[in-house]
Amino acid sequence: MDRSLFGTLIAGLAFLPWIVEVFFQVRLQARFLEALPAEARAALPPHPRRPMLAFAGSTRFALSVWRSFRRDAPDDPPPVLALKARMRRSLRREIAWALGGLAILALLLHAGWRPWS
């Protein structure tokens, strides 16, 4: 097998868990927005009406959602608390998968792999 193709396959496989985690987060974010009380959801910046399309919202909206699940509020209902904890764990996994993929990419580049050759 061509060395460039082999390296490309390894790099793709290295980032596959990260891609799966991001798709998992889309579903998790939709469930979180559905579970939010109406007044909390209305306080967020303008966003798509359908929770499953929330990933297509603005950067301001994404940052606002990120800020809202970073910490538990005293008035959060139990389902929202559980989803916040799951979202925080998912974010930590995403960071770990991305760093692992970048480490493998760096090793491939150090070993002489070039995607353009």
PDB file of N, CA and C in Angstrom:
ATOM      1  N   MET A   1       0.852  -1.179   0.000  1.00  0.00           N
ATOM      2  CA  MET A   1       0.000   0.000   0.000  1.00  0.00           C
ATOM      3  C   MET A   1       0.894   1.238   0.000  1.00  0.00           C
ATOM      4  N   ASP A   2       0.484   2.236  -0.703  1.00  0.00           N
ATOM      5  CA  ASP A   2       1.212   3.483  -0.778  1.00  0.00           C
ATOM      6  C   ASP A   2       1.344   4.106   0.613  1.00  0.00           C
ATOM      7  N   ARG A   3       2.522   4.612   0.940  1.00  0.00           N
ATOM      8  CA  ARG A   3       2.788   5.177   2.265  1.00  0.00           C
ATOM      9  C   ARG A   3       1.868   6.380   2.566  1.00  0.00           C
ATOM     10  N   SER A   4       1.627   7.214   1.570  1.00  0.00           N
ATOM     11  CA  SER A   4       0.768   8.381   1.771  1.00  0.00           C
ATOM     12  C   SER A   4      -0.666   7.957   2.068  1.00  0.00           C
ATOM     13  N   LEU A   5      -1.161   6.960   1.349  1.00  0.00           N
ATOM     14  CA  LEU A   5      -2.516   6.457   1.588  1.00  0.00           C
ATOM     15  C   LEU A   5      -2.620   5.817   2.967  1.00  0.00           C
ATOM     16  N   PHE A   6      -1.613   5.041   3.341  1.00  0.00           N
ATOM     17  CA  PHE A   6      -1.613   4.391   4.655  1.00  0.00           C
ATOM     18  C   PHE A   6      -1.639   5.434   5.777  1.00  0.00           C
ATOM     19  N   GLY A   7      -0.835   6.468   5.649  1.00  0.00           N
ATOM     20  CA  GLY A   7      -0.819   7.536   6.653  1.00  0.00           C
ATOM     21  C   GLY A   7      -2.149   8.263   6.729  1.00  0.00           C
ATOM     22  N   THR A   8      -2.778   8.473   5.576  1.00  0.00           N
ATOM     23  CA  THR A   8      -4.077   9.131   5.544  1.00  0.00           C
ATOM     24  C   THR A   8      -5.131   8.281   6.244  1.00  0.00           C
ATOM     25  N   LEU A   9      -5.092   6.963   6.029  1.00  0.00           N
ATOM     26  CA  LEU A   9      -6.025   6.064   6.714  1.00  0.00           C
ATOM     27  C   LEU A   9      -5.807   6.084   8.227  1.00  0.00           C
ATOM     28  N   ILE A  10      -4.553   6.076   8.654  1.00  0.00           N
ATOM     29  CA  ILE A  10      -4.244   6.126  10.091  1.00  0.00           C
ATOM     30  C   ILE A  10      -4.745   7.444  10.682  1.00  0.00           C
ATOM     31  N   ALA A  11      -4.494   8.546   9.995  1.00  0.00           N
ATOM     32  CA  ALA A  11      -4.955   9.852  10.490  1.00  0.00           C
ATOM     33  C   ALA A  11      -6.477   9.893  10.568  1.00  0.00           C
ATOM     34  N   GLY A  12      -7.152   9.350   9.564  1.00  0.00           N
ATOM     35  CA  GLY A  12      -8.620   9.314   9.590  1.00  0.00           C
ATOM     36  C   GLY A  12      -9.143   8.486  10.745  1.00  0.00           C
ATOM     37  N   LEU A  13      -8.534   7.327  10.972  1.00  0.00           N
ATOM     38  CA  LEU A  13      -8.946   6.478  12.094  1.00  0.00           C
ATOM     39  C   LEU A  13      -8.643   7.137  13.443  1.00  0.00           C
ATOM     40  N   ALA A  14      -7.578   7.928  13.495  1.00  0.00           N
ATOM     41  CA  ALA A  14      -7.225   8.601  14.745  1.00  0.00           C
ATOM     42  C   ALA A  14      -8.280   9.619  15.158  1.00  0.00           C
ATOM     43  N   PHE A  15      -8.911  10.248  14.174  1.00  0.00           N
ATOM     44  CA  PHE A  15      -9.913  11.272  14.486  1.00  0.00           C
ATOM     45  C   PHE A  15     -11.343  10.736  14.483  1.00  0.00           C
ATOM     46  N   LEU A  16     -11.535   9.482  14.163  1.00  0.00           N
ATOM     47  CA  LEU A  16     -12.874   8.900  14.130  1.00  0.00           C
ATOM     48  C   LEU A  16     -13.594   8.965  15.488  1.00  0.00           C
ATOM     49  N   PRO A  17     -12.937   8.626  16.601  1.00  0.00           N
ATOM     50  CA  PRO A  17     -13.643   8.747  17.892  1.00  0.00           C
ATOM     51  C   PRO A  17     -14.073  10.188  18.200  1.00  0.00           C
ATOM     52  N   TRP A  18     -13.256  11.158  17.804  1.00  0.00           N
ATOM     53  CA  TRP A  18     -13.609  12.556  18.024  1.00  0.00           C
ATOM     54  C   TRP A  18     -14.860  12.920  17.224  1.00  0.00           C
ATOM     55  N   ILE A  19     -14.931  12.461  15.977  1.00  0.00           N
ATOM     56  CA  ILE A  19     -16.089  12.744  15.125  1.00  0.00           C
ATOM     57  C   ILE A  19     -17.347  12.125  15.719  1.00  0.00           C
ATOM     58  N   VAL A  20     -17.246  10.886  16.192  1.00  0.00           N
ATOM     59  CA  VAL A  20     -18.388  10.218  16.815  1.00  0.00           C
ATOM     60  C   VAL A  20     -18.839  10.986  18.053  1.00  0.00           C
ATOM     61  N   GLU A  21     -17.896  11.464  18.849  1.00  0.00           N
ATOM     62  CA  GLU A  21     -18.238  12.225  20.058  1.00  0.00           C
ATOM     63  C   GLU A  21     -18.956  13.522  19.715  1.00  0.00           C
ATOM     64  N   VAL A  22     -18.543  14.192  18.655  1.00  0.00           N
ATOM     65  CA  VAL A  22     -19.202  15.434  18.241  1.00  0.00           C
ATOM     66  C   VAL A  22     -20.648  15.149  17.819  1.00  0.00           C
ATOM     67  N   PHE A  23     -20.872  14.068  17.074  1.00  0.00           N
ATOM     68  CA  PHE A  23     -22.250  13.715  16.699  1.00  0.00           C
ATOM     69  C   PHE A  23     -23.086  13.363  17.930  1.00  0.00           C
ATOM     70  N   PHE A  24     -22.466  12.708  18.895  1.00  0.00           N
ATOM     71  CA  PHE A  24     -23.152  12.397  20.142  1.00  0.00           C
ATOM     72  C   PHE A  24     -23.546  13.690  20.869  1.00  0.00           C
ATOM     73  N   GLN A  25     -22.669  14.688  20.815  1.00  0.00           N
ATOM     74  CA  GLN A  25     -22.943  15.964  21.481  1.00  0.00           C
ATOM     75  C   GLN A  25     -24.104  16.710  20.837  1.00  0.00           C
ATOM     76  N   VAL A  26     -24.299  16.560  19.554  1.00  0.00           N
ATOM     77  CA  VAL A  26     -25.438  17.211  18.888  1.00  0.00           C
ATOM     78  C   VAL A  26     -26.737  16.692  19.487  1.00  0.00           C
ATOM     79  N   ARG A  27     -26.841  15.377  19.639  1.00  0.00           N
ATOM     80  CA  ARG A  27     -28.041  14.788  20.248  1.00  0.00           C
ATOM     81  C   ARG A  27     -28.186  15.204  21.708  1.00  0.00           C
ATOM     82  N   LEU A  28     -27.057  15.235  22.421  1.00  0.00           N
ATOM     83  CA  LEU A  28     -27.087  15.606  23.830  1.00  0.00           C
ATOM     84  C   LEU A  28     -27.506  17.065  24.010  1.00  0.00           C
ATOM     85  N   GLN A  29     -27.020  17.940  23.143  1.00  0.00           N
ATOM     86  CA  GLN A  29     -27.396  19.351  23.214  1.00  0.00           C
ATOM     87  C   GLN A  29     -28.884  19.526  22.922  1.00  0.00           C
ATOM     88  N   ALA A  30     -29.409  18.765  21.981  1.00  0.00           N
ATOM     89  CA  ALA A  30     -30.844  18.840  21.678  1.00  0.00           C
ATOM     90  C   ALA A  30     -31.669  18.401  22.887  1.00  0.00           C
ATOM     91  N   ARG A  31     -31.266  17.326  23.529  1.00  0.00           N
ATOM     92  CA  ARG A  31     -31.982  16.858  24.715  1.00  0.00           C
ATOM     93  C   ARG A  31     -31.885  17.886  25.849  1.00  0.00           C
ATOM     94  N   PHE A  32     -30.728  18.535  25.985  1.00  0.00           N
ATOM     95  CA  PHE A  32     -30.541  19.555  27.018  1.00  0.00           C
ATOM     96  C   PHE A  32     -31.475  20.739  26.775  1.00  0.00           C
ATOM     97  N   LEU A  33     -31.568  21.202  25.526  1.00  0.00           N
ATOM     98  CA  LEU A  33     -32.431  22.340  25.225  1.00  0.00           C
ATOM     99  C   LEU A  33     -33.903  21.994  25.428  1.00  0.00           C
ATOM    100  N   GLU A  34     -34.282  20.753  25.127  1.00  0.00           N
ATOM    101  CA  GLU A  34     -35.663  20.334  25.364  1.00  0.00           C
ATOM    102  C   GLU A  34     -35.981  20.285  26.858  1.00  0.00           C
ATOM    103  N   ALA A  35     -34.994  19.926  27.678  1.00  0.00           N
ATOM    104  CA  ALA A  35     -35.213  19.789  29.118  1.00  0.00           C
ATOM    105  C   ALA A  35     -35.171  21.125  29.856  1.00  0.00           C
ATOM    106  N   LEU A  36     -34.583  22.135  29.233  1.00  0.00           N
ATOM    107  CA  LEU A  36     -34.506  23.447  29.898  1.00  0.00           C
ATOM    108  C   LEU A  36     -35.906  24.015  30.123  1.00  0.00           C
ATOM    109  N   PRO A  37     -36.121  24.666  31.256  1.00  0.00           N
ATOM    110  CA  PRO A  37     -37.397  25.358  31.450  1.00  0.00           C
ATOM    111  C   PRO A  37     -37.569  26.442  30.379  1.00  0.00           C
ATOM    112  N   ALA A  38     -38.812  26.753  30.069  1.00  0.00           N
ATOM    113  CA  ALA A  38     -39.113  27.700  28.984  1.00  0.00           C
ATOM    114  C   ALA A  38     -38.450  29.059  29.199  1.00  0.00           C
ATOM    115  N   GLU A  39     -38.456  29.548  30.435  1.00  0.00           N
ATOM    116  CA  GLU A  39     -37.853  30.880  30.673  1.00  0.00           C
ATOM    117  C   GLU A  39     -36.340  30.855  30.506  1.00  0.00           C
ATOM    118  N   ALA A  40     -35.688  29.748  30.878  1.00  0.00           N
ATOM    119  CA  ALA A  40     -34.240  29.644  30.701  1.00  0.00           C
ATOM    120  C   ALA A  40     -33.887  29.559  29.216  1.00  0.00           C
ATOM    121  N   ARG A  41     -34.683  28.822  28.473  1.00  0.00           N
ATOM    122  CA  ARG A  41     -34.429  28.701  27.034  1.00  0.00           C
ATOM    123  C   ARG A  41     -34.695  30.021  26.322  1.00  0.00           C
ATOM    124  N   ALA A  42     -35.706  30.762  26.755  1.00  0.00           N
ATOM    125  CA  ALA A  42     -36.011  32.056  26.143  1.00  0.00           C
ATOM    126  C   ALA A  42     -34.914  33.075  26.432  1.00  0.00           C
ATOM    127  N   ALA A  43     -34.188  32.892  27.541  1.00  0.00           N
ATOM    128  CA  ALA A  43     -33.119  33.827  27.896  1.00  0.00           C
ATOM    129  C   ALA A  43     -31.873  33.647  27.027  1.00  0.00           C
ATOM    130  N   LEU A  44     -31.789  32.536  26.307  1.00  0.00           N
ATOM    131  CA  LEU A  44     -30.638  32.304  25.430  1.00  0.00           C
ATOM    132  C   LEU A  44     -30.731  33.209  24.202  1.00  0.00           C
ATOM    133  N   PRO A  45     -29.597  33.507  23.568  1.00  0.00           N
ATOM    134  CA  PRO A  45     -29.628  34.316  22.344  1.00  0.00           C
ATOM    135  C   PRO A  45     -30.474  33.618  21.267  1.00  0.00           C
ATOM    136  N   PRO A  46     -30.854  34.342  20.223  1.00  0.00           N
ATOM    137  CA  PRO A  46     -31.674  33.743  19.167  1.00  0.00           C
ATOM    138  C   PRO A  46     -31.058  32.425  18.662  1.00  0.00           C
ATOM    139  N   HIS A  47     -31.922  31.427  18.511  1.00  0.00           N
ATOM    140  CA  HIS A  47     -31.468  30.106  18.095  1.00  0.00           C
ATOM    141  C   HIS A  47     -32.583  29.402  17.323  1.00  0.00           C
ATOM    142  N   PRO A  48     -32.258  28.328  16.626  1.00  0.00           N
ATOM    143  CA  PRO A  48     -33.290  27.584  15.882  1.00  0.00           C
ATOM    144  C   PRO A  48     -34.376  27.064  16.823  1.00  0.00           C
ATOM    145  N   ARG A  49     -35.591  27.012  16.331  1.00  0.00           N
ATOM    146  CA  ARG A  49     -36.708  26.549  17.159  1.00  0.00           C
ATOM    147  C   ARG A  49     -36.589  25.072  17.492  1.00  0.00           C
ATOM    148  N   ARG A  50     -36.184  24.282  16.504  1.00  0.00           N
ATOM    149  CA  ARG A  50     -36.057  22.842  16.725  1.00  0.00           C
ATOM    150  C   ARG A  50     -34.742  22.558  17.446  1.00  0.00           C
ATOM    151  N   PRO A  51     -34.789  21.916  18.594  1.00  0.00           N
ATOM    152  CA  PRO A  51     -33.562  21.642  19.350  1.00  0.00           C
ATOM    153  C   PRO A  51     -32.527  20.830  18.565  1.00  0.00           C
ATOM    154  N   MET A  52     -32.970  19.953  17.671  1.00  0.00           N
ATOM    155  CA  MET A  52     -32.018  19.134  16.911  1.00  0.00           C
ATOM    156  C   MET A  52     -31.183  19.980  15.949  1.00  0.00           C
ATOM    157  N   LEU A  53     -31.647  21.187  15.636  1.00  0.00           N
ATOM    158  CA  LEU A  53     -30.892  22.082  14.751  1.00  0.00           C
ATOM    159  C   LEU A  53     -30.083  23.120  15.528  1.00  0.00           C
ATOM    160  N   ALA A  54     -29.969  22.947  16.831  1.00  0.00           N
ATOM    161  CA  ALA A  54     -29.260  23.926  17.663  1.00  0.00           C
ATOM    162  C   ALA A  54     -27.792  24.067  17.268  1.00  0.00           C
ATOM    163  N   PHE A  55     -27.194  23.010  16.727  1.00  0.00           N
ATOM    164  CA  PHE A  55     -25.799  23.096  16.301  1.00  0.00           C
ATOM    165  C   PHE A  55     -25.608  24.140  15.207  1.00  0.00           C
ATOM    166  N   ALA A  56     -26.681  24.501  14.506  1.00  0.00           N
ATOM    167  CA  ALA A  56     -26.600  25.486  13.429  1.00  0.00           C
ATOM    168  C   ALA A  56     -26.818  26.913  13.945  1.00  0.00           C
ATOM    169  N   GLY A  57     -26.924  27.071  15.258  1.00  0.00           N
ATOM    170  CA  GLY A  57     -27.121  28.395  15.841  1.00  0.00           C
ATOM    171  C   GLY A  57     -25.865  29.247  15.747  1.00  0.00           C
ATOM    172  N   SER A  58     -25.990  30.458  16.175  1.00  0.00           N
ATOM    173  CA  SER A  58     -24.873  31.404  16.095  1.00  0.00           C
ATOM    174  C   SER A  58     -23.788  31.050  17.120  1.00  0.00           C
ATOM    175  N   THR A  59     -22.645  31.669  16.939  1.00  0.00           N
ATOM    176  CA  THR A  59     -21.545  31.479  17.885  1.00  0.00           C
ATOM    177  C   THR A  59     -21.942  32.009  19.256  1.00  0.00           C
ATOM    178  N   ARG A  60     -22.661  33.119  19.279  1.00  0.00           N
ATOM    179  CA  ARG A  60     -23.140  33.675  20.548  1.00  0.00           C
ATOM    180  C   ARG A  60     -24.031  32.682  21.289  1.00  0.00           C
ATOM    181  N   PHE A  61     -24.893  32.009  20.551  1.00  0.00           N
ATOM    182  CA  PHE A  61     -25.770  31.006  21.137  1.00  0.00           C
ATOM    183  C   PHE A  61     -24.956  29.821  21.661  1.00  0.00           C
ATOM    184  N   ALA A  62     -23.994  29.332  20.872  1.00  0.00           N
ATOM    185  CA  ALA A  62     -23.178  28.193  21.292  1.00  0.00           C
ATOM    186  C   ALA A  62     -22.395  28.516  22.565  1.00  0.00           C
ATOM    187  N   LEU A  63     -21.836  29.711  22.637  1.00  0.00           N
ATOM    188  CA  LEU A  63     -21.104  30.108  23.844  1.00  0.00           C
ATOM    189  C   LEU A  63     -22.037  30.237  25.039  1.00  0.00           C
ATOM    190  N   SER A  64     -23.235  30.707  24.810  1.00  0.00           N
ATOM    191  CA  SER A  64     -24.216  30.831  25.888  1.00  0.00           C
ATOM    192  C   SER A  64     -24.625  29.462  26.421  1.00  0.00           C
ATOM    193  N   VAL A  65     -24.819  28.500  25.527  1.00  0.00           N
ATOM    194  CA  VAL A  65     -25.147  27.138  25.958  1.00  0.00           C
ATOM    195  C   VAL A  65     -23.973  26.553  26.725  1.00  0.00           C
ATOM    196  N   TRP A  66     -22.763  26.798  26.251  1.00  0.00           N
ATOM    197  CA  TRP A  66     -21.574  26.300  26.935  1.00  0.00           C
ATOM    198  C   TRP A  66     -21.489  26.876  28.353  1.00  0.00           C
ATOM    199  N   ARG A  67     -21.743  28.171  28.480  1.00  0.00           N
ATOM    200  CA  ARG A  67     -21.723  28.795  29.807  1.00  0.00           C
ATOM    201  C   ARG A  67     -22.813  28.237  30.710  1.00  0.00           C
ATOM    202  N   SER A  68     -23.962  27.885  30.130  1.00  0.00           N
ATOM    203  CA  SER A  68     -25.073  27.417  30.958  1.00  0.00           C
ATOM    204  C   SER A  68     -24.856  26.000  31.481  1.00  0.00           C
ATOM    205  N   PHE A  69     -24.099  25.151  30.783  1.00  0.00           N
ATOM    206  CA  PHE A  69     -23.910  23.800  31.303  1.00  0.00           C
ATOM    207  C   PHE A  69     -22.592  23.629  32.051  1.00  0.00           C
ATOM    208  N   ARG A  70     -21.784  24.684  32.127  1.00  0.00           N
ATOM    209  CA  ARG A  70     -20.524  24.600  32.867  1.00  0.00           C
ATOM    210  C   ARG A  70     -20.735  24.361  34.353  1.00  0.00           C
ATOM    211  N   ARG A  71     -21.751  24.997  34.906  1.00  0.00           N
ATOM    212  CA  ARG A  71     -22.005  24.890  36.353  1.00  0.00           C
ATOM    213  C   ARG A  71     -23.473  24.605  36.599  1.00  0.00           C
ATOM    214  N   ASP A  72     -23.722  23.933  37.714  1.00  0.00           N
ATOM    215  CA  ASP A  72     -25.095  23.654  38.122  1.00  0.00           C
ATOM    216  C   ASP A  72     -25.661  24.862  38.855  1.00  0.00           C
ATOM    217  N   ALA A  73     -26.886  25.205  38.527  1.00  0.00           N
ATOM    218  CA  ALA A  73     -27.584  26.286  39.221  1.00  0.00           C
ATOM    219  C   ALA A  73     -28.469  25.667  40.304  1.00  0.00           C
ATOM    220  N   PRO A  74     -28.698  26.389  41.388  1.00  0.00           N
ATOM    221  CA  PRO A  74     -29.506  25.826  42.479  1.00  0.00           C
ATOM    222  C   PRO A  74     -30.949  25.536  42.076  1.00  0.00           C
ATOM    223  N   ASP A  75     -31.467  26.249  41.092  1.00  0.00           N
ATOM    224  CA  ASP A  75     -32.865  26.056  40.699  1.00  0.00           C
ATOM    225  C   ASP A  75     -33.035  25.119  39.498  1.00  0.00           C
ATOM    226  N   ASP A  76     -31.972  24.415  39.094  1.00  0.00           N
ATOM    227  CA  ASP A  76     -32.073  23.482  37.969  1.00  0.00           C
ATOM    228  C   ASP A  76     -32.866  22.241  38.374  1.00  0.00           C
ATOM    229  N   PRO A  77     -33.804  21.808  37.520  1.00  0.00           N
ATOM    230  CA  PRO A  77     -34.519  20.557  37.800  1.00  0.00           C
ATOM    231  C   PRO A  77     -33.570  19.357  37.645  1.00  0.00           C
ATOM    232  N   PRO A  78     -33.866  18.246  38.295  1.00  0.00           N
ATOM    233  CA  PRO A  78     -32.978  17.064  38.228  1.00  0.00           C
ATOM    234  C   PRO A  78     -32.642  16.582  36.814  1.00  0.00           C
ATOM    235  N   PRO A  79     -33.596  16.561  35.863  1.00  0.00           N
ATOM    236  CA  PRO A  79     -33.194  16.120  34.509  1.00  0.00           C
ATOM    237  C   PRO A  79     -32.147  17.038  33.872  1.00  0.00           C
ATOM    238  N   VAL A  80     -32.251  18.332  34.145  1.00  0.00           N
ATOM    239  CA  VAL A  80     -31.280  19.278  33.587  1.00  0.00           C
ATOM    240  C   VAL A  80     -29.918  19.068  34.250  1.00  0.00           C
ATOM    241  N   LEU A  81     -29.909  18.820  35.552  1.00  0.00           N
ATOM    242  CA  LEU A  81     -28.644  18.558  36.254  1.00  0.00           C
ATOM    243  C   LEU A  81     -27.953  17.326  35.680  1.00  0.00           C
ATOM    244  N   ALA A  82     -28.720  16.278  35.416  1.00  0.00           N
ATOM    245  CA  ALA A  82     -28.141  15.056  34.853  1.00  0.00           C
ATOM    246  C   ALA A  82     -27.580  15.313  33.454  1.00  0.00           C
ATOM    247  N   LEU A  83     -28.310  16.071  32.644  1.00  0.00           N
ATOM    248  CA  LEU A  83     -27.826  16.369  31.292  1.00  0.00           C
ATOM    249  C   LEU A  83     -26.596  17.269  31.319  1.00  0.00           C
ATOM    250  N   LYS A  84     -26.549  18.194  32.256  1.00  0.00           N
ATOM    251  CA  LYS A  84     -25.361  19.052  32.381  1.00  0.00           C
ATOM    252  C   LYS A  84     -24.132  18.207  32.714  1.00  0.00           C
ATOM    253  N   ALA A  85     -24.292  17.267  33.625  1.00  0.00           N
ATOM    254  CA  ALA A  85     -23.164  16.397  33.987  1.00  0.00           C
ATOM    255  C   ALA A  85     -22.721  15.567  32.784  1.00  0.00           C
ATOM    256  N   ARG A  86     -23.674  15.042  32.018  1.00  0.00           N
ATOM    257  CA  ARG A  86     -23.326  14.265  30.825  1.00  0.00           C
ATOM    258  C   ARG A  86     -22.626  15.131  29.784  1.00  0.00           C
ATOM    259  N   MET A  87     -23.067  16.386  29.643  1.00  0.00           N
ATOM    260  CA  MET A  87     -22.446  17.283  28.662  1.00  0.00           C
ATOM    261  C   MET A  87     -21.014  17.625  29.065  1.00  0.00           C
ATOM    262  N   ARG A  88     -20.793  17.809  30.366  1.00  0.00           N
ATOM    263  CA  ARG A  88     -19.427  18.099  30.825  1.00  0.00           C
ATOM    264  C   ARG A  88     -18.510  16.900  30.586  1.00  0.00           C
ATOM    265  N   ARG A  89     -19.011  15.689  30.855  1.00  0.00           N
ATOM    266  CA  ARG A  89     -18.203  14.482  30.592  1.00  0.00           C
ATOM    267  C   ARG A  89     -17.921  14.341  29.102  1.00  0.00           C
ATOM    268  N   SER A  90     -18.917  14.626  28.274  1.00  0.00           N
ATOM    269  CA  SER A  90     -18.748  14.532  26.835  1.00  0.00           C
ATOM    270  C   SER A  90     -17.714  15.541  26.335  1.00  0.00           C
ATOM    271  N   LEU A  91     -17.726  16.732  26.892  1.00  0.00           N
ATOM    272  CA  LEU A  91     -16.744  17.744  26.500  1.00  0.00           C
ATOM    273  C   LEU A  91     -15.332  17.298  26.866  1.00  0.00           C
ATOM    274  N   ARG A  92     -15.178  16.708  28.045  1.00  0.00           N
ATOM    275  CA  ARG A  92     -13.853  16.204  28.436  1.00  0.00           C
ATOM    276  C   ARG A  92     -13.400  15.084  27.498  1.00  0.00           C
ATOM    277  N   ARG A  93     -14.322  14.190  27.122  1.00  0.00           N
ATOM    278  CA  ARG A  93     -13.969  13.123  26.181  1.00  0.00           C
ATOM    279  C   ARG A  93     -13.589  13.706  24.820  1.00  0.00           C
ATOM    280  N   GLU A  94     -14.337  14.710  24.370  1.00  0.00           N
ATOM    281  CA  GLU A  94     -14.033  15.330  23.079  1.00  0.00           C
ATOM    282  C   GLU A  94     -12.625  15.919  23.080  1.00  0.00           C
ATOM    283  N   ILE A  95     -12.269  16.593  24.136  1.00  0.00           N
ATOM    284  CA  ILE A  95     -10.931  17.181  24.223  1.00  0.00           C
ATOM    285  C   ILE A  95      -9.868  16.094  24.212  1.00  0.00           C
ATOM    286  N   ALA A  96     -10.105  15.009  24.949  1.00  0.00           N
ATOM    287  CA  ALA A  96      -9.136  13.911  24.984  1.00  0.00           C
ATOM    288  C   ALA A  96      -8.983  13.258  23.612  1.00  0.00           C
ATOM    289  N   TRP A  97     -10.099  12.998  22.916  1.00  0.00           N
ATOM    290  CA  TRP A  97     -10.030  12.394  21.579  1.00  0.00           C
ATOM    291  C   TRP A  97      -9.322  13.323  20.600  1.00  0.00           C
ATOM    292  N   ALA A  98      -9.605  14.620  20.673  1.00  0.00           N
ATOM    293  CA  ALA A  98      -8.962  15.568  19.752  1.00  0.00           C
ATOM    294  C   ALA A  98      -7.457  15.623  20.009  1.00  0.00           C
ATOM    295  N   LEU A  99      -7.052  15.653  21.279  1.00  0.00           N
ATOM    296  CA  LEU A  99      -5.623  15.673  21.600  1.00  0.00           C
ATOM    297  C   LEU A  99      -4.938  14.385  21.159  1.00  0.00           C
ATOM    298  N   GLY A 100      -5.626  13.257  21.336  1.00  0.00           N
ATOM    299  CA  GLY A 100      -5.067  11.988  20.872  1.00  0.00           C
ATOM    300  C   GLY A 100      -4.896  11.971  19.359  1.00  0.00           C
ATOM    301  N   GLY A 101      -5.891  12.464  18.634  1.00  0.00           N
ATOM    302  CA  GLY A 101      -5.790  12.533  17.183  1.00  0.00           C
ATOM    303  C   GLY A 101      -4.662  13.445  16.735  1.00  0.00           C
ATOM    304  N   LEU A 102      -4.528  14.575  17.419  1.00  0.00           N
ATOM    305  CA  LEU A 102      -3.436  15.501  17.076  1.00  0.00           C
ATOM    306  C   LEU A 102      -2.072  14.893  17.386  1.00  0.00           C
ATOM    307  N   ALA A 103      -1.981  14.121  18.476  1.00  0.00           N
ATOM    308  CA  ALA A 103      -0.713  13.464  18.807  1.00  0.00           C
ATOM    309  C   ALA A 103      -0.344  12.444  17.729  1.00  0.00           C
ATOM    310  N   ILE A 104      -1.305  11.661  17.276  1.00  0.00           N
ATOM    311  CA  ILE A 104      -1.033  10.686  16.212  1.00  0.00           C
ATOM    312  C   ILE A 104      -0.654  11.397  14.919  1.00  0.00           C
ATOM    313  N   LEU A 105      -1.336  12.498  14.626  1.00  0.00           N
ATOM    314  CA  LEU A 105      -0.998  13.283  13.439  1.00  0.00           C
ATOM    315  C   LEU A 105       0.431  13.812  13.534  1.00  0.00           C
ATOM    316  N   ALA A 106       0.819  14.298  14.702  1.00  0.00           N
ATOM    317  CA  ALA A 106       2.182  14.790  14.892  1.00  0.00           C
ATOM    318  C   ALA A 106       3.197  13.662  14.716  1.00  0.00           C
ATOM    319  N   LEU A 107       2.891  12.477  15.233  1.00  0.00           N
ATOM    320  CA  LEU A 107       3.788  11.335  15.069  1.00  0.00           C
ATOM    321  C   LEU A 107       3.926  10.947  13.598  1.00  0.00           C
ATOM    322  N   LEU A 108       2.811  10.957  12.889  1.00  0.00           N
ATOM    323  CA  LEU A 108       2.871  10.652  11.456  1.00  0.00           C
ATOM    324  C   LEU A 108       3.734  11.661  10.708  1.00  0.00           C
ATOM    325  N   LEU A 109       3.551  12.932  11.004  1.00  0.00           N
ATOM    326  CA  LEU A 109       4.347  13.967  10.341  1.00  0.00           C
ATOM    327  C   LEU A 109       5.826  13.839  10.704  1.00  0.00           C
ATOM    328  N   HIS A 110       6.088  13.521  11.963  1.00  0.00           N
ATOM    329  CA  HIS A 110       7.481  13.348  12.405  1.00  0.00           C
ATOM    330  C   HIS A 110       8.131  12.155  11.710  1.00  0.00           C
ATOM    331  N   ALA A 111       7.328  11.117  11.437  1.00  0.00           N
ATOM    332  CA  ALA A 111       7.853   9.916  10.774  1.00  0.00           C
ATOM    333  C   ALA A 111       8.027  10.114   9.271  1.00  0.00           C
ATOM    334  N   GLY A 112       7.631  11.270   8.754  1.00  0.00           N
ATOM    335  CA  GLY A 112       7.875  11.555   7.338  1.00  0.00           C
ATOM    336  C   GLY A 112       6.642  11.501   6.466  1.00  0.00           C
ATOM    337  N   TRP A 113       5.476  11.221   7.045  1.00  0.00           N
ATOM    338  CA  TRP A 113       4.248  11.183   6.244  1.00  0.00           C
ATOM    339  C   TRP A 113       3.866  12.593   5.830  1.00  0.00           C
ATOM    340  N   ARG A 114       3.508  12.736   4.583  1.00  0.00           N
ATOM    341  CA  ARG A 114       3.019  14.006   4.070  1.00  0.00           C
ATOM    342  C   ARG A 114       1.753  13.725   3.288  1.00  0.00           C
ATOM    343  N   PRO A 115       0.631  14.370   3.657  1.00  0.00           N
ATOM    344  CA  PRO A 115      -0.631  14.084   2.990  1.00  0.00           C
ATOM    345  C   PRO A 115      -0.655  14.555   1.534  1.00  0.00           C
ATOM    346  N   TRP A 116       0.202  15.435   1.158  1.00  0.00           N
ATOM    347  CA  TRP A 116       0.172  16.017  -0.179  1.00  0.00           C
ATOM    348  C   TRP A 116       1.147  15.326  -1.130  1.00  0.00           C
ATOM    349  N   SER A 117       1.895  14.327  -0.666  1.00  0.00           N
ATOM    350  CA  SER A 117       2.870  13.699  -1.571  1.00  0.00           C
ATOM    351  C   SER A 117       2.411  12.343  -2.045  1.00  0.00           C
TER     352      SER A 117
END
